[in-house]
Amino acid sequence: MFGTKTRAAAALMLSIIAALALLLVIRFIADAVYSVGAIHDEPAYFVEVPGAGPRIDPLDPVEFARIFEAADPVRGESLWRSCRMCHSLEAGDNRTGPSLAGVVGRAVDTAPGFAYSGALERVVTVWTPDRINALIANPRRFAPGTLMTYTGMRNAQDRADLIAFLQGH
């Protein structure tokens, strides 16, 4: 009834399906074991470094304002490349994420033509530099439920430089 070629094709398809199912199971187990998306408000412990001075919280609005004063928008333009895969600086050019044209000072969830998840609207009303700083430091911690897949920019000066660049667009 079925020829050799048909059986070979069916075996190949079955092998591909089995491999994909195995990958899904492995990913599920890895996610359960390593739980990358967990939100922790307090660090487990601090390591004191002699002569390091006091700890600085770059998410503190006052501390970030100090960092932001020294921001370099030219350097921020080079950091923009990690954003431009999903965002644009052209008004109305929404991609995976909304256009960031004029984002600094703009009301949240107001880029025309973009369907927002509503997660950001629950935590912020206007995009000020310190609020953008908190978002791009760790989007999922800042706005649980956000659809933004970016994992965050760890360096506070990098974030300040990027925001200074965005402020000019």
N, C-alpha and C. Protein backbone atom coordinates (compact mmCIF):
# COMPACT_ATOMS: atom_id res chain seq x y z
N MET A 1 0.82 -1.18 0.00
CA MET A 1 0.00 0.00 0.00
C MET A 1 0.87 1.26 0.00
N PHE A 2 1.83 1.36 0.93
CA PHE A 2 2.73 2.51 0.96
C PHE A 2 4.09 2.08 0.45
N GLY A 3 4.69 2.94 -0.34
CA GLY A 3 6.00 2.65 -0.88
C GLY A 3 7.10 2.97 0.11
N THR A 4 8.30 2.61 -0.26
CA THR A 4 9.46 2.84 0.59
C THR A 4 9.68 4.33 0.84
N LYS A 5 9.47 5.15 -0.19
CA LYS A 5 9.65 6.60 -0.04
C LYS A 5 8.64 7.18 0.94
N THR A 6 7.42 6.69 0.89
CA THR A 6 6.38 7.19 1.79
C THR A 6 6.71 6.84 3.23
N ARG A 7 7.17 5.59 3.44
CA ARG A 7 7.55 5.18 4.80
C ARG A 7 8.74 5.98 5.31
N ALA A 8 9.70 6.24 4.45
CA ALA A 8 10.88 7.02 4.84
C ALA A 8 10.47 8.45 5.20
N ALA A 9 9.58 9.03 4.42
CA ALA A 9 9.11 10.39 4.70
C ALA A 9 8.35 10.43 6.02
N ALA A 10 7.52 9.42 6.26
CA ALA A 10 6.76 9.36 7.51
C ALA A 10 7.71 9.20 8.70
N ALA A 11 8.73 8.37 8.55
CA ALA A 11 9.70 8.17 9.62
C ALA A 11 10.48 9.46 9.90
N LEU A 12 10.82 10.18 8.85
CA LEU A 12 11.52 11.45 9.01
C LEU A 12 10.65 12.46 9.75
N MET A 13 9.39 12.57 9.35
CA MET A 13 8.47 13.50 10.01
C MET A 13 8.28 13.12 11.48
N LEU A 14 8.13 11.85 11.75
CA LEU A 14 7.96 11.39 13.12
C LEU A 14 9.20 11.70 13.95
N SER A 15 10.37 11.55 13.37
CA SER A 15 11.62 11.86 14.07
C SER A 15 11.70 13.35 14.39
N ILE A 16 11.30 14.19 13.45
CA ILE A 16 11.33 15.64 13.68
C ILE A 16 10.36 16.02 14.78
N ILE A 17 9.16 15.46 14.75
CA ILE A 17 8.16 15.75 15.78
C ILE A 17 8.65 15.29 17.15
N ALA A 18 9.25 14.11 17.21
CA ALA A 18 9.77 13.60 18.48
C ALA A 18 10.89 14.48 19.01
N ALA A 19 11.77 14.95 18.12
CA ALA A 19 12.86 15.83 18.55
C ALA A 19 12.32 17.15 19.10
N LEU A 20 11.33 17.72 18.43
CA LEU A 20 10.72 18.97 18.91
C LEU A 20 10.04 18.77 20.26
N ALA A 21 9.34 17.65 20.42
CA ALA A 21 8.69 17.36 21.69
C ALA A 21 9.73 17.23 22.80
N LEU A 22 10.84 16.56 22.50
CA LEU A 22 11.91 16.41 23.48
C LEU A 22 12.49 17.77 23.87
N LEU A 23 12.70 18.65 22.90
CA LEU A 23 13.21 19.99 23.20
C LEU A 23 12.24 20.77 24.09
N LEU A 24 10.95 20.65 23.85
CA LEU A 24 9.97 21.33 24.68
C LEU A 24 10.00 20.81 26.12
N VAL A 25 10.13 19.51 26.28
CA VAL A 25 10.19 18.92 27.61
C VAL A 25 11.46 19.39 28.33
N ILE A 26 12.58 19.40 27.63
CA ILE A 26 13.84 19.85 28.23
C ILE A 26 13.74 21.32 28.64
N ARG A 27 13.15 22.15 27.79
CA ARG A 27 12.99 23.57 28.14
C ARG A 27 12.09 23.74 29.35
N PHE A 28 11.01 23.00 29.41
CA PHE A 28 10.09 23.08 30.54
C PHE A 28 10.81 22.72 31.84
N ILE A 29 11.60 21.65 31.81
CA ILE A 29 12.34 21.22 32.99
C ILE A 29 13.39 22.27 33.38
N ALA A 30 14.11 22.80 32.39
CA ALA A 30 15.13 23.82 32.67
C ALA A 30 14.50 25.07 33.27
N ASP A 31 13.35 25.51 32.74
CA ASP A 31 12.66 26.68 33.29
C ASP A 31 12.23 26.43 34.73
N ALA A 32 11.77 25.23 35.01
CA ALA A 32 11.33 24.91 36.37
C ALA A 32 12.52 24.89 37.34
N VAL A 33 13.65 24.37 36.89
CA VAL A 33 14.82 24.25 37.75
C VAL A 33 15.50 25.61 37.95
N TYR A 34 15.66 26.38 36.89
CA TYR A 34 16.44 27.61 36.98
C TYR A 34 15.61 28.87 37.13
N SER A 35 14.34 28.84 36.94
CA SER A 35 13.39 29.93 37.20
C SER A 35 13.99 31.32 37.01
N VAL A 36 14.34 31.67 35.78
CA VAL A 36 14.98 32.94 35.48
C VAL A 36 14.05 34.12 35.73
N GLY A 37 12.76 33.96 35.56
CA GLY A 37 11.83 35.06 35.67
C GLY A 37 11.43 35.43 37.08
N ALA A 38 12.01 34.81 38.09
CA ALA A 38 11.63 35.09 39.47
C ALA A 38 11.98 36.53 39.84
N ILE A 39 11.13 37.14 40.65
CA ILE A 39 11.37 38.50 41.12
C ILE A 39 11.74 38.43 42.59
N HIS A 40 12.90 38.99 42.91
CA HIS A 40 13.38 38.99 44.29
C HIS A 40 13.58 40.44 44.72
N ASP A 41 12.91 40.85 45.78
CA ASP A 41 13.02 42.22 46.24
C ASP A 41 14.31 42.49 47.00
N GLU A 42 14.81 41.50 47.68
CA GLU A 42 16.02 41.67 48.48
C GLU A 42 17.08 40.68 48.02
N PRO A 43 18.34 41.12 47.96
CA PRO A 43 19.41 40.19 47.62
C PRO A 43 19.59 39.17 48.74
N ALA A 44 20.08 38.00 48.39
CA ALA A 44 20.28 36.95 49.38
C ALA A 44 21.36 37.35 50.38
N TYR A 45 22.40 38.03 49.92
CA TYR A 45 23.47 38.47 50.81
C TYR A 45 24.28 39.57 50.11
N PHE A 46 25.04 40.32 50.89
CA PHE A 46 25.92 41.35 50.36
C PHE A 46 27.36 40.92 50.60
N VAL A 47 28.22 41.23 49.68
CA VAL A 47 29.64 40.99 49.85
C VAL A 47 30.28 42.35 50.11
N GLU A 48 30.82 42.52 51.30
CA GLU A 48 31.47 43.77 51.65
C GLU A 48 32.86 43.80 51.03
N VAL A 49 33.16 44.89 50.35
CA VAL A 49 34.47 45.06 49.74
C VAL A 49 35.16 46.21 50.46
N PRO A 50 36.29 45.93 51.13
CA PRO A 50 36.99 46.98 51.87
C PRO A 50 37.35 48.16 50.97
N GLY A 51 37.04 49.37 51.43
CA GLY A 51 37.38 50.57 50.68
C GLY A 51 36.44 50.89 49.52
N ALA A 52 35.36 50.15 49.38
CA ALA A 52 34.47 50.36 48.25
C ALA A 52 33.51 51.52 48.47
N GLY A 53 33.34 51.97 49.70
CA GLY A 53 32.41 53.06 49.97
C GLY A 53 30.99 52.55 50.08
N PRO A 54 30.03 53.45 50.24
CA PRO A 54 28.64 53.02 50.42
C PRO A 54 28.05 52.45 49.13
N ARG A 55 27.09 51.55 49.31
CA ARG A 55 26.38 50.99 48.16
C ARG A 55 25.50 52.07 47.54
N ILE A 56 25.46 52.11 46.22
CA ILE A 56 24.64 53.08 45.51
C ILE A 56 23.55 52.32 44.77
N ASP A 57 22.32 52.78 44.92
CA ASP A 57 21.20 52.17 44.21
C ASP A 57 20.89 53.01 42.98
N PRO A 58 21.31 52.56 41.77
CA PRO A 58 21.09 53.36 40.57
C PRO A 58 19.62 53.46 40.18
N LEU A 59 18.73 52.70 40.83
CA LEU A 59 17.31 52.83 40.54
C LEU A 59 16.66 53.88 41.43
N ASP A 60 17.38 54.35 42.45
CA ASP A 60 16.88 55.44 43.29
C ASP A 60 16.82 56.70 42.42
N PRO A 61 15.65 57.37 42.34
CA PRO A 61 15.52 58.54 41.46
C PRO A 61 16.55 59.63 41.73
N VAL A 62 16.90 59.86 42.98
CA VAL A 62 17.89 60.90 43.30
C VAL A 62 19.26 60.49 42.79
N GLU A 63 19.64 59.24 43.03
CA GLU A 63 20.93 58.74 42.57
C GLU A 63 20.98 58.72 41.05
N PHE A 64 19.88 58.29 40.42
CA PHE A 64 19.87 58.26 38.96
C PHE A 64 19.97 59.67 38.38
N ALA A 65 19.37 60.66 39.02
CA ALA A 65 19.46 62.04 38.55
C ALA A 65 20.92 62.49 38.50
N ARG A 66 21.70 62.08 39.51
CA ARG A 66 23.13 62.41 39.53
C ARG A 66 23.86 61.74 38.37
N ILE A 67 23.55 60.47 38.13
CA ILE A 67 24.17 59.73 37.03
C ILE A 67 23.75 60.34 35.68
N PHE A 68 22.47 60.70 35.59
CA PHE A 68 21.91 61.23 34.34
C PHE A 68 22.53 62.57 33.95
N GLU A 69 22.97 63.35 34.94
CA GLU A 69 23.61 64.64 34.65
C GLU A 69 24.85 64.47 33.78
N ALA A 70 25.54 63.35 33.94
CA ALA A 70 26.77 63.09 33.18
C ALA A 70 26.51 62.23 31.95
N ALA A 71 25.26 62.06 31.57
CA ALA A 71 24.92 61.18 30.45
C ALA A 71 25.46 61.72 29.13
N ASP A 72 25.87 60.79 28.27
CA ASP A 72 26.43 61.12 26.96
C ASP A 72 25.51 60.59 25.87
N PRO A 73 24.71 61.46 25.23
CA PRO A 73 23.79 60.99 24.20
C PRO A 73 24.48 60.38 22.98
N VAL A 74 25.71 60.81 22.69
CA VAL A 74 26.45 60.24 21.56
C VAL A 74 26.75 58.77 21.85
N ARG A 75 27.18 58.50 23.07
CA ARG A 75 27.42 57.10 23.48
C ARG A 75 26.10 56.34 23.52
N GLY A 76 25.02 57.03 23.92
CA GLY A 76 23.70 56.41 23.97
C GLY A 76 23.23 55.94 22.61
N GLU A 77 23.65 56.66 21.56
CA GLU A 77 23.26 56.25 20.20
C GLU A 77 23.81 54.87 19.87
N SER A 78 25.03 54.57 20.32
CA SER A 78 25.60 53.25 20.06
C SER A 78 24.88 52.16 20.87
N LEU A 79 24.32 52.54 22.01
CA LEU A 79 23.57 51.58 22.82
C LEU A 79 22.17 51.34 22.26
N TRP A 80 21.70 52.24 21.42
CA TRP A 80 20.38 52.15 20.81
C TRP A 80 20.21 50.85 20.00
N ARG A 81 21.31 50.29 19.50
CA ARG A 81 21.21 49.10 18.65
C ARG A 81 20.50 47.95 19.34
N SER A 82 20.59 47.87 20.66
CA SER A 82 19.89 46.78 21.36
C SER A 82 18.38 47.03 21.43
N CYS A 83 17.95 48.24 21.11
CA CYS A 83 16.52 48.59 21.14
C CYS A 83 15.89 48.56 19.76
N ARG A 84 16.69 48.90 18.74
CA ARG A 84 16.11 49.12 17.42
C ARG A 84 15.63 47.85 16.72
N MET A 85 15.92 46.69 17.28
CA MET A 85 15.37 45.47 16.70
C MET A 85 13.85 45.44 16.89
N CYS A 86 13.38 46.03 17.97
CA CYS A 86 11.94 46.00 18.28
C CYS A 86 11.28 47.38 18.21
N HIS A 87 12.06 48.45 18.28
CA HIS A 87 11.52 49.81 18.33
C HIS A 87 12.07 50.65 17.20
N SER A 88 11.40 51.76 16.93
CA SER A 88 11.83 52.72 15.93
C SER A 88 11.85 54.11 16.56
N LEU A 89 12.56 55.03 15.93
CA LEU A 89 12.55 56.42 16.38
C LEU A 89 11.69 57.29 15.46
N GLU A 90 10.99 56.65 14.53
CA GLU A 90 10.10 57.36 13.61
C GLU A 90 8.68 57.30 14.17
N ALA A 91 8.05 58.46 14.30
CA ALA A 91 6.67 58.51 14.81
C ALA A 91 5.77 57.64 13.95
N GLY A 92 4.98 56.79 14.59
CA GLY A 92 4.03 55.93 13.90
C GLY A 92 4.62 54.64 13.35
N ASP A 93 5.94 54.47 13.40
CA ASP A 93 6.57 53.25 12.89
C ASP A 93 6.70 52.24 14.02
N ASN A 94 5.58 51.61 14.35
CA ASN A 94 5.57 50.60 15.41
C ASN A 94 6.06 49.28 14.84
N ARG A 95 6.82 48.58 15.63
CA ARG A 95 7.33 47.27 15.24
C ARG A 95 6.83 46.27 16.27
N THR A 96 7.69 45.38 16.72
CA THR A 96 7.30 44.48 17.81
C THR A 96 6.95 45.31 19.04
N GLY A 97 7.70 46.39 19.24
CA GLY A 97 7.43 47.36 20.30
C GLY A 97 6.99 48.67 19.68
N PRO A 98 6.48 49.58 20.50
CA PRO A 98 6.00 50.86 19.97
C PRO A 98 7.14 51.77 19.54
N SER A 99 6.82 52.75 18.72
CA SER A 99 7.79 53.78 18.33
C SER A 99 8.22 54.53 19.59
N LEU A 100 9.51 54.82 19.69
CA LEU A 100 10.03 55.56 20.83
C LEU A 100 10.29 57.03 20.49
N ALA A 101 9.73 57.49 19.38
CA ALA A 101 9.86 58.90 19.01
C ALA A 101 9.18 59.75 20.08
N GLY A 102 9.93 60.66 20.69
CA GLY A 102 9.37 61.54 21.71
C GLY A 102 8.93 60.84 22.98
N VAL A 103 9.54 59.70 23.29
CA VAL A 103 9.09 58.90 24.44
C VAL A 103 9.34 59.60 25.78
N VAL A 104 10.45 60.33 25.91
CA VAL A 104 10.75 60.99 27.19
C VAL A 104 9.75 62.14 27.38
N GLY A 105 8.96 62.04 28.44
CA GLY A 105 7.92 63.02 28.73
C GLY A 105 6.55 62.66 28.18
N ARG A 106 6.47 61.57 27.43
CA ARG A 106 5.20 61.14 26.83
C ARG A 106 4.40 60.31 27.82
N ALA A 107 3.09 60.39 27.72
CA ALA A 107 2.23 59.55 28.55
C ALA A 107 2.41 58.09 28.13
N VAL A 108 2.29 57.19 29.08
CA VAL A 108 2.47 55.77 28.84
C VAL A 108 1.36 55.22 27.95
N ASP A 109 1.70 54.24 27.14
CA ASP A 109 0.75 53.53 26.27
C ASP A 109 0.01 54.47 25.32
N THR A 110 0.73 55.42 24.72
CA THR A 110 0.07 56.38 23.83
C THR A 110 0.66 56.44 22.42
N ALA A 111 1.53 55.52 22.05
CA ALA A 111 2.04 55.52 20.67
C ALA A 111 0.88 55.12 19.76
N PRO A 112 0.49 55.98 18.82
CA PRO A 112 -0.66 55.68 17.96
C PRO A 112 -0.47 54.39 17.18
N GLY A 113 -1.51 53.57 17.17
CA GLY A 113 -1.50 52.35 16.37
C GLY A 113 -0.82 51.15 17.01
N PHE A 114 -0.40 51.26 18.26
CA PHE A 114 0.25 50.12 18.91
C PHE A 114 -0.68 49.52 19.95
N ALA A 115 -0.78 48.18 19.94
CA ALA A 115 -1.64 47.47 20.90
C ALA A 115 -0.82 47.12 22.14
N TYR A 116 -1.04 47.83 23.22
CA TYR A 116 -0.29 47.62 24.46
C TYR A 116 -0.92 46.51 25.30
N SER A 117 -0.10 45.91 26.18
CA SER A 117 -0.58 44.85 27.07
C SER A 117 -1.30 45.40 28.29
N GLY A 118 -1.03 46.65 28.66
CA GLY A 118 -1.63 47.25 29.85
C GLY A 118 -0.77 47.12 31.09
N ALA A 119 0.30 46.34 31.02
CA ALA A 119 1.16 46.13 32.20
C ALA A 119 1.88 47.41 32.61
N LEU A 120 2.33 48.20 31.65
CA LEU A 120 3.05 49.44 31.97
C LEU A 120 2.11 50.48 32.57
N GLU A 121 0.91 50.53 32.06
CA GLU A 121 -0.09 51.49 32.53
C GLU A 121 -0.39 51.32 34.02
N ARG A 122 -0.18 50.12 34.53
CA ARG A 122 -0.46 49.85 35.94
C ARG A 122 0.62 50.40 36.87
N VAL A 123 1.82 50.70 36.33
CA VAL A 123 2.92 51.12 37.20
C VAL A 123 3.47 52.51 36.94
N VAL A 124 3.11 53.13 35.84
CA VAL A 124 3.65 54.45 35.51
C VAL A 124 2.67 55.19 34.61
N THR A 125 2.65 56.53 34.70
CA THR A 125 1.74 57.31 33.85
C THR A 125 2.48 58.12 32.79
N VAL A 126 3.68 58.62 33.12
CA VAL A 126 4.46 59.43 32.18
C VAL A 126 5.89 58.90 32.16
N TRP A 127 6.49 58.86 30.96
CA TRP A 127 7.86 58.37 30.81
C TRP A 127 8.87 59.46 31.16
N THR A 128 9.26 59.52 32.42
CA THR A 128 10.34 60.40 32.86
C THR A 128 11.64 59.61 32.77
N PRO A 129 12.80 60.28 32.75
CA PRO A 129 14.06 59.54 32.68
C PRO A 129 14.21 58.49 33.78
N ASP A 130 13.80 58.80 35.02
CA ASP A 130 13.97 57.80 36.08
C ASP A 130 13.03 56.61 35.90
N ARG A 131 11.86 56.80 35.33
CA ARG A 131 10.94 55.68 35.08
C ARG A 131 11.43 54.82 33.92
N ILE A 132 11.98 55.46 32.88
CA ILE A 132 12.56 54.70 31.78
C ILE A 132 13.76 53.91 32.29
N ASN A 133 14.55 54.52 33.17
CA ASN A 133 15.69 53.83 33.79
C ASN A 133 15.24 52.55 34.48
N ALA A 134 14.19 52.64 35.28
CA ALA A 134 13.70 51.46 36.00
C ALA A 134 13.19 50.40 35.02
N LEU A 135 12.53 50.83 33.95
CA LEU A 135 12.02 49.87 32.96
C LEU A 135 13.16 49.13 32.28
N ILE A 136 14.13 49.87 31.75
CA ILE A 136 15.16 49.18 30.97
C ILE A 136 16.20 48.47 31.83
N ALA A 137 16.19 48.74 33.14
CA ALA A 137 17.06 47.97 34.04
C ALA A 137 16.56 46.53 34.13
N ASN A 138 15.24 46.36 34.21
CA ASN A 138 14.65 45.02 34.32
C ASN A 138 13.16 45.13 34.00
N PRO A 139 12.78 45.02 32.73
CA PRO A 139 11.38 45.23 32.34
C PRO A 139 10.37 44.36 33.10
N ARG A 140 10.69 43.12 33.33
CA ARG A 140 9.71 42.23 33.99
C ARG A 140 9.56 42.53 35.47
N ARG A 141 10.61 43.01 36.10
CA ARG A 141 10.50 43.41 37.51
C ARG A 141 9.71 44.71 37.61
N PHE A 142 9.98 45.64 36.71
CA PHE A 142 9.33 46.94 36.73
C PHE A 142 7.83 46.82 36.44
N ALA A 143 7.49 46.01 35.44
CA ALA A 143 6.09 45.89 35.02
C ALA A 143 5.74 44.42 34.82
N PRO A 144 5.44 43.70 35.91
CA PRO A 144 5.06 42.30 35.76
C PRO A 144 3.90 42.16 34.77
N GLY A 145 4.04 41.22 33.86
CA GLY A 145 3.01 41.01 32.84
C GLY A 145 3.31 41.70 31.53
N THR A 146 4.43 42.46 31.47
CA THR A 146 4.78 43.11 30.22
C THR A 146 5.13 42.07 29.17
N LEU A 147 4.87 42.38 27.92
CA LEU A 147 5.20 41.47 26.83
C LEU A 147 6.60 41.75 26.28
N MET A 148 7.28 42.74 26.84
CA MET A 148 8.63 43.09 26.41
C MET A 148 9.58 41.96 26.78
N THR A 149 10.27 41.41 25.78
CA THR A 149 11.13 40.25 26.02
C THR A 149 12.56 40.64 26.40
N TYR A 150 12.90 41.90 26.30
CA TYR A 150 14.25 42.37 26.64
C TYR A 150 14.53 42.08 28.11
N THR A 151 15.71 41.54 28.40
CA THR A 151 16.02 41.15 29.78
C THR A 151 16.56 42.28 30.64
N GLY A 152 17.02 43.35 30.03
CA GLY A 152 17.45 44.50 30.82
C GLY A 152 18.89 44.91 30.55
N MET A 153 19.18 46.16 30.87
CA MET A 153 20.51 46.73 30.73
C MET A 153 21.04 46.95 32.14
N ARG A 154 22.09 46.26 32.50
CA ARG A 154 22.57 46.25 33.89
C ARG A 154 23.31 47.52 34.31
N ASN A 155 24.04 48.15 33.41
CA ASN A 155 24.89 49.29 33.76
C ASN A 155 24.09 50.59 33.79
N ALA A 156 24.09 51.27 34.95
CA ALA A 156 23.30 52.50 35.12
C ALA A 156 23.77 53.62 34.20
N GLN A 157 25.08 53.74 33.99
CA GLN A 157 25.57 54.81 33.10
C GLN A 157 25.14 54.54 31.66
N ASP A 158 25.14 53.26 31.25
CA ASP A 158 24.65 52.91 29.92
C ASP A 158 23.18 53.31 29.77
N ARG A 159 22.39 53.02 30.80
CA ARG A 159 20.97 53.39 30.74
C ARG A 159 20.81 54.90 30.64
N ALA A 160 21.59 55.64 31.42
CA ALA A 160 21.51 57.10 31.39
C ALA A 160 21.89 57.64 30.01
N ASP A 161 22.95 57.07 29.42
CA ASP A 161 23.38 57.51 28.09
C ASP A 161 22.29 57.22 27.05
N LEU A 162 21.69 56.05 27.12
CA LEU A 162 20.62 55.69 26.18
C LEU A 162 19.42 56.63 26.33
N ILE A 163 19.04 56.92 27.55
CA ILE A 163 17.89 57.80 27.80
C ILE A 163 18.20 59.21 27.31
N ALA A 164 19.43 59.67 27.49
CA ALA A 164 19.83 60.99 26.98
C ALA A 164 19.71 61.02 25.45
N PHE A 165 20.07 59.92 24.81
CA PHE A 165 19.91 59.82 23.35
C PHE A 165 18.43 59.87 22.98
N LEU A 166 17.61 59.09 23.68
CA LEU A 166 16.17 59.07 23.39
C LEU A 166 15.53 60.43 23.62
N GLN A 167 16.04 61.16 24.58
CA GLN A 167 15.48 62.47 24.91
C GLN A 167 15.58 63.44 23.73
N GLY A 168 16.56 63.23 22.90
CA GLY A 168 16.74 64.09 21.73
C GLY A 168 15.98 63.63 20.50
N HIS A 169 15.17 62.59 20.64
CA HIS A 169 14.45 62.05 19.47
C HIS A 169 12.97 61.99 19.73
